């Protein structure tokens, strides 16, 4: 059942790279995809779980983006329908050594059965993911961004279930396209209980996630 996926979903800390790294600009639309997740051992090698998202981001203003995505891996491997919507806001523009400060709130819903032979049939879970980032632009035209911050992935249930973690990543900008490389260290303060699969982390504290993202922007300023 869906509840069997909860530890995986929580440890994944969301299936996509961070939103709100830098605004795409009013009137622009970006088509986005991501791949990766918590690192686990496969045939003796550390491999990120192949979790995927496919979606789009729209520039509502020059500092505000809205975004939505679906989660193909959950549907293909587990029969779980999952999707998300969210909004990102830049609060402070970068200037010199001062970073860009931004925040994002993403809402995610998932429904379905992992084991259709076990009652109860079906199920729905609602999650929310707040993220706060600081980013520094660099490169000849400031087209690249290194960023860091904090994120939390929470199930809106009673009692509240959540994991938090540190984000560190880099967005490489190439004209209208970008490539993201991102690490998350989720629940670094907690060794937790053994789970299957076992996730990689320093001193087995929490879980380290490796993710890749790609986006191509249409419209807006170059």
Protein backbone atom coordinates (compact mmCIF):
# COMPACT_ATOMS: atom_id res chain seq x y z
CA UNK A 1 0.00 0.00 0.00
CA UNK A 2 0.97 3.63 -0.30
CA UNK A 3 2.03 3.79 3.32
CA UNK A 4 4.82 1.32 2.50
CA UNK A 5 6.35 4.00 0.27
CA UNK A 6 6.31 6.67 2.96
CA UNK A 7 9.86 6.02 4.28
CA UNK A 8 11.21 6.18 0.74
CA UNK A 9 9.32 9.34 -0.11
CA UNK A 10 10.39 11.04 3.09
CA UNK A 11 14.02 10.04 2.71
CA UNK A 12 14.00 11.19 -0.88
CA UNK A 13 13.15 14.64 0.43
CA UNK A 14 11.23 15.35 -2.73
CA UNK A 15 12.13 13.87 -6.08
CA UNK A 16 13.39 16.95 -7.93
CA UNK A 17 16.26 19.38 -7.66
CA UNK A 18 15.51 22.54 -5.70
CA UNK A 19 13.06 25.09 -7.06
CA UNK A 20 13.76 28.81 -6.77
CA UNK A 21 17.47 28.67 -7.55
CA UNK A 22 17.03 31.81 -9.69
CA UNK A 23 13.83 33.28 -11.21
CA UNK A 24 13.31 32.67 -14.93
CA UNK A 25 11.73 36.09 -15.61
CA UNK A 26 8.23 37.38 -16.26
CA UNK A 27 6.52 35.70 -19.20
CA UNK A 28 9.12 32.93 -19.58
CA UNK A 29 8.28 29.22 -19.51
CA UNK A 30 10.82 26.51 -18.67
CA UNK A 31 10.34 22.81 -19.40
CA UNK A 32 12.08 20.89 -16.61
CA UNK A 33 13.16 17.34 -15.81
CA UNK A 34 15.13 15.74 -12.99
CA UNK A 35 16.69 12.36 -12.26
CA UNK A 36 18.16 10.90 -9.09
CA UNK A 37 17.51 10.34 -5.43
CA UNK A 38 19.01 8.83 -2.27
CA UNK A 39 22.21 6.88 -2.88
CA UNK A 40 22.00 3.16 -2.14
CA UNK A 41 24.19 0.15 -2.91
CA UNK A 42 23.39 -1.75 -6.10
CA UNK A 43 25.64 -4.71 -7.00
CA UNK A 44 28.26 -3.30 -4.66
CA UNK A 45 28.22 0.18 -6.23
CA UNK A 46 26.75 3.42 -4.77
CA UNK A 47 23.93 4.35 -7.15
CA UNK A 48 21.30 7.12 -6.76
CA UNK A 49 17.74 5.83 -6.97
CA UNK A 50 16.38 6.69 -10.44
CA UNK A 51 13.51 8.89 -9.28
CA UNK A 52 12.23 11.25 -11.98
CA UNK A 53 10.07 14.34 -12.38
CA UNK A 54 8.87 16.08 -15.53
CA UNK A 55 7.21 19.49 -15.39
CA UNK A 56 7.25 23.17 -16.21
CA UNK A 57 7.96 26.53 -14.56
CA UNK A 58 6.25 29.81 -15.46
CA UNK A 59 7.60 33.26 -14.62
CA UNK A 60 4.66 35.06 -13.02
CA UNK A 61 6.80 38.15 -12.31
CA UNK A 62 10.49 38.91 -12.50
CA UNK A 63 10.90 37.54 -8.97
CA UNK A 64 8.08 34.97 -8.68
CA UNK A 65 7.81 31.58 -10.42
CA UNK A 66 5.07 28.96 -10.29
CA UNK A 67 5.80 25.35 -11.19
CA UNK A 68 4.16 21.95 -11.54
CA UNK A 69 5.41 18.42 -12.24
CA UNK A 70 4.47 14.75 -12.37
CA UNK A 71 6.53 11.80 -11.07
CA UNK A 72 6.89 9.13 -13.79
CA UNK A 73 9.01 6.68 -11.74
CA UNK A 74 6.37 6.35 -9.04
CA UNK A 75 3.74 5.59 -11.68
CA UNK A 76 5.87 3.18 -13.74
CA UNK A 77 7.42 1.17 -10.89
CA UNK A 78 4.79 1.28 -8.16
CA UNK A 79 1.50 2.30 -9.78
CA UNK A 80 1.52 5.45 -7.64
CA UNK A 81 0.13 8.61 -9.19
CA UNK A 82 2.08 11.60 -7.86
CA UNK A 83 2.21 15.25 -8.81
CA UNK A 84 3.26 18.58 -7.36
CA UNK A 85 2.64 22.31 -7.65
CA UNK A 86 4.55 25.14 -6.04
CA UNK A 87 5.64 28.75 -5.97
CA UNK A 88 9.13 30.26 -5.65
CA UNK A 89 9.94 33.80 -4.55
CA UNK A 90 13.19 35.76 -4.72
CA UNK A 91 13.35 38.08 -1.72
CA UNK A 92 16.77 39.62 -2.24
CA UNK A 93 18.68 40.08 -5.50
CA UNK A 94 22.38 39.25 -5.61
CA UNK A 95 24.86 42.11 -5.48
CA UNK A 96 28.61 41.61 -5.33
CA UNK A 97 29.35 39.05 -2.63
CA UNK A 98 25.78 39.25 -1.35
CA UNK A 99 23.82 36.15 -2.36
CA UNK A 100 20.39 35.87 -3.85
CA UNK A 101 17.91 34.87 -1.14
CA UNK A 102 14.86 32.90 -2.19
CA UNK A 103 12.27 30.48 -0.87
CA UNK A 104 9.94 27.87 -2.32
CA UNK A 105 6.87 26.02 -1.14
CA UNK A 106 5.90 22.87 -3.02
CA UNK A 107 2.74 20.82 -2.40
CA UNK A 108 2.72 17.16 -3.46
CA UNK A 109 -0.01 14.55 -3.58
CA UNK A 110 0.34 10.80 -4.14
CA UNK A 111 -2.32 8.11 -4.46
CA UNK A 112 -2.43 4.40 -5.24
CA UNK A 113 -1.46 0.90 -4.04
CA UNK A 114 1.91 -0.75 -3.85
CA UNK A 115 0.32 -4.08 -2.94
CA UNK A 116 -3.17 -4.35 -4.52
CA UNK A 117 -3.82 -7.64 -2.67
CA UNK A 118 -3.60 -6.01 0.75
CA UNK A 119 -6.44 -3.95 2.22
CA UNK A 120 -7.24 -1.15 2.35
CA UNK A 121 -7.37 -0.49 -1.36
CA UNK A 122 -6.01 2.77 -2.62
CA UNK A 123 -4.91 5.65 -0.50
CA UNK A 124 -3.83 9.27 -0.64
CA UNK A 125 -0.98 11.14 0.99
CA UNK A 126 -0.41 14.89 1.01
CA UNK A 127 3.08 16.35 1.44
CA UNK A 128 4.52 19.84 1.57
CA UNK A 129 8.13 20.91 1.06
CA UNK A 130 9.44 24.34 2.16
CA UNK A 131 12.93 25.29 0.95
CA UNK A 132 15.15 28.32 1.64
CA UNK A 133 18.18 29.01 -0.56
CA UNK A 134 21.13 31.37 -0.86
CA UNK A 135 22.76 31.53 -4.28
CA UNK A 136 25.84 33.21 -5.76
CA UNK A 137 26.04 33.88 -9.50
CA UNK A 138 29.38 33.54 -11.23
CA UNK A 139 30.88 33.16 -14.68
CA UNK A 140 31.59 35.67 -17.43
CA UNK A 141 27.95 36.76 -17.66
CA UNK A 142 26.83 35.48 -14.25
CA UNK A 143 25.15 32.56 -16.00
CA UNK A 144 26.08 29.95 -13.38
CA UNK A 145 24.84 29.76 -9.79
CA UNK A 146 26.21 27.90 -6.79
CA UNK A 147 23.62 27.57 -4.05
CA UNK A 148 23.02 26.15 -0.63
CA UNK A 149 20.18 26.09 1.87
CA UNK A 150 17.75 23.98 3.82
CA UNK A 151 14.74 21.92 2.86
CA UNK A 152 12.12 19.86 4.68
CA UNK A 153 9.75 17.22 3.32
CA UNK A 154 6.67 16.80 5.47
CA UNK A 155 3.58 14.63 5.48
CA UNK A 156 0.50 16.56 6.51
CA UNK A 157 -0.74 13.91 8.93
CA UNK A 158 -1.36 13.45 12.62
CA UNK A 159 1.31 13.13 13.90
CA UNK A 160 3.35 15.20 11.45
CA UNK A 161 6.08 13.18 9.73
CA UNK A 162 9.04 15.07 8.30
CA UNK A 163 12.67 14.98 7.30
CA UNK A 164 14.92 17.98 6.91
CA UNK A 165 18.25 18.47 5.28
CA UNK A 166 20.99 20.59 3.80
CA UNK A 167 21.09 21.37 0.06
CA UNK A 168 24.26 22.09 -1.93
CA UNK A 169 24.19 22.45 -5.70
CA UNK A 170 25.29 24.21 -8.85
CA UNK A 171 23.26 25.43 -11.80
CA UNK A 172 25.23 25.64 -15.03
CA UNK A 173 23.61 28.07 -17.46
CA UNK A 174 23.97 27.70 -21.23
CA UNK A 175 21.91 30.39 -22.94
CA UNK A 176 18.28 29.32 -22.53
CA UNK A 177 19.11 25.92 -21.02
CA UNK A 178 20.51 24.92 -17.66
CA UNK A 179 21.93 21.82 -16.00
CA UNK A 180 21.69 21.30 -12.24
CA UNK A 181 23.90 19.10 -10.08
CA UNK A 182 22.64 18.82 -6.51
CA UNK A 183 23.41 17.01 -3.27
CA UNK A 184 21.07 16.78 -0.30
CA UNK A 185 22.03 15.42 3.11
CA UNK A 186 18.74 14.46 4.68
CA UNK A 187 18.29 14.05 8.44
CA UNK A 188 22.08 14.25 9.09
CA UNK A 189 21.40 14.30 12.85
CA UNK A 190 19.53 10.98 12.89
CA UNK A 191 20.79 7.44 12.37
CA UNK A 192 17.17 6.31 12.37
CA UNK A 193 16.05 2.70 12.11
CA UNK A 194 17.43 0.34 9.44
CA UNK A 195 15.44 0.59 6.22
CA UNK A 196 15.48 -1.32 2.95
CA UNK A 197 17.15 -0.24 0.78
CA UNK A 198 19.94 1.04 3.03
CA UNK A 199 20.94 4.57 2.08
CA UNK A 200 24.49 5.92 1.96
CA UNK A 201 25.52 8.72 4.33
CA UNK A 202 28.55 9.79 6.38
CA UNK A 203 28.71 7.61 9.53
CA UNK A 204 25.31 6.21 8.40
CA UNK A 205 23.61 9.37 9.58
CA UNK A 206 20.55 10.20 7.49
CA UNK A 207 20.73 9.78 3.72
CA UNK A 208 22.65 11.52 0.94
CA UNK A 209 20.76 12.22 -2.27
CA UNK A 210 22.33 12.98 -5.68
CA UNK A 211 20.13 14.55 -8.35
CA UNK A 212 20.49 15.99 -11.81
CA UNK A 213 18.15 18.54 -13.36
CA UNK A 214 17.71 20.02 -16.83
CA UNK A 215 15.56 22.87 -18.09
CA UNK A 216 14.99 24.76 -21.31
CA UNK A 217 13.43 28.22 -21.23
CA UNK A 218 11.10 29.72 -23.81
CA UNK A 219 10.15 33.40 -24.02
CA UNK A 220 11.19 36.15 -21.64
CA UNK A 221 14.48 38.02 -21.85
CA UNK A 222 17.61 36.28 -23.07
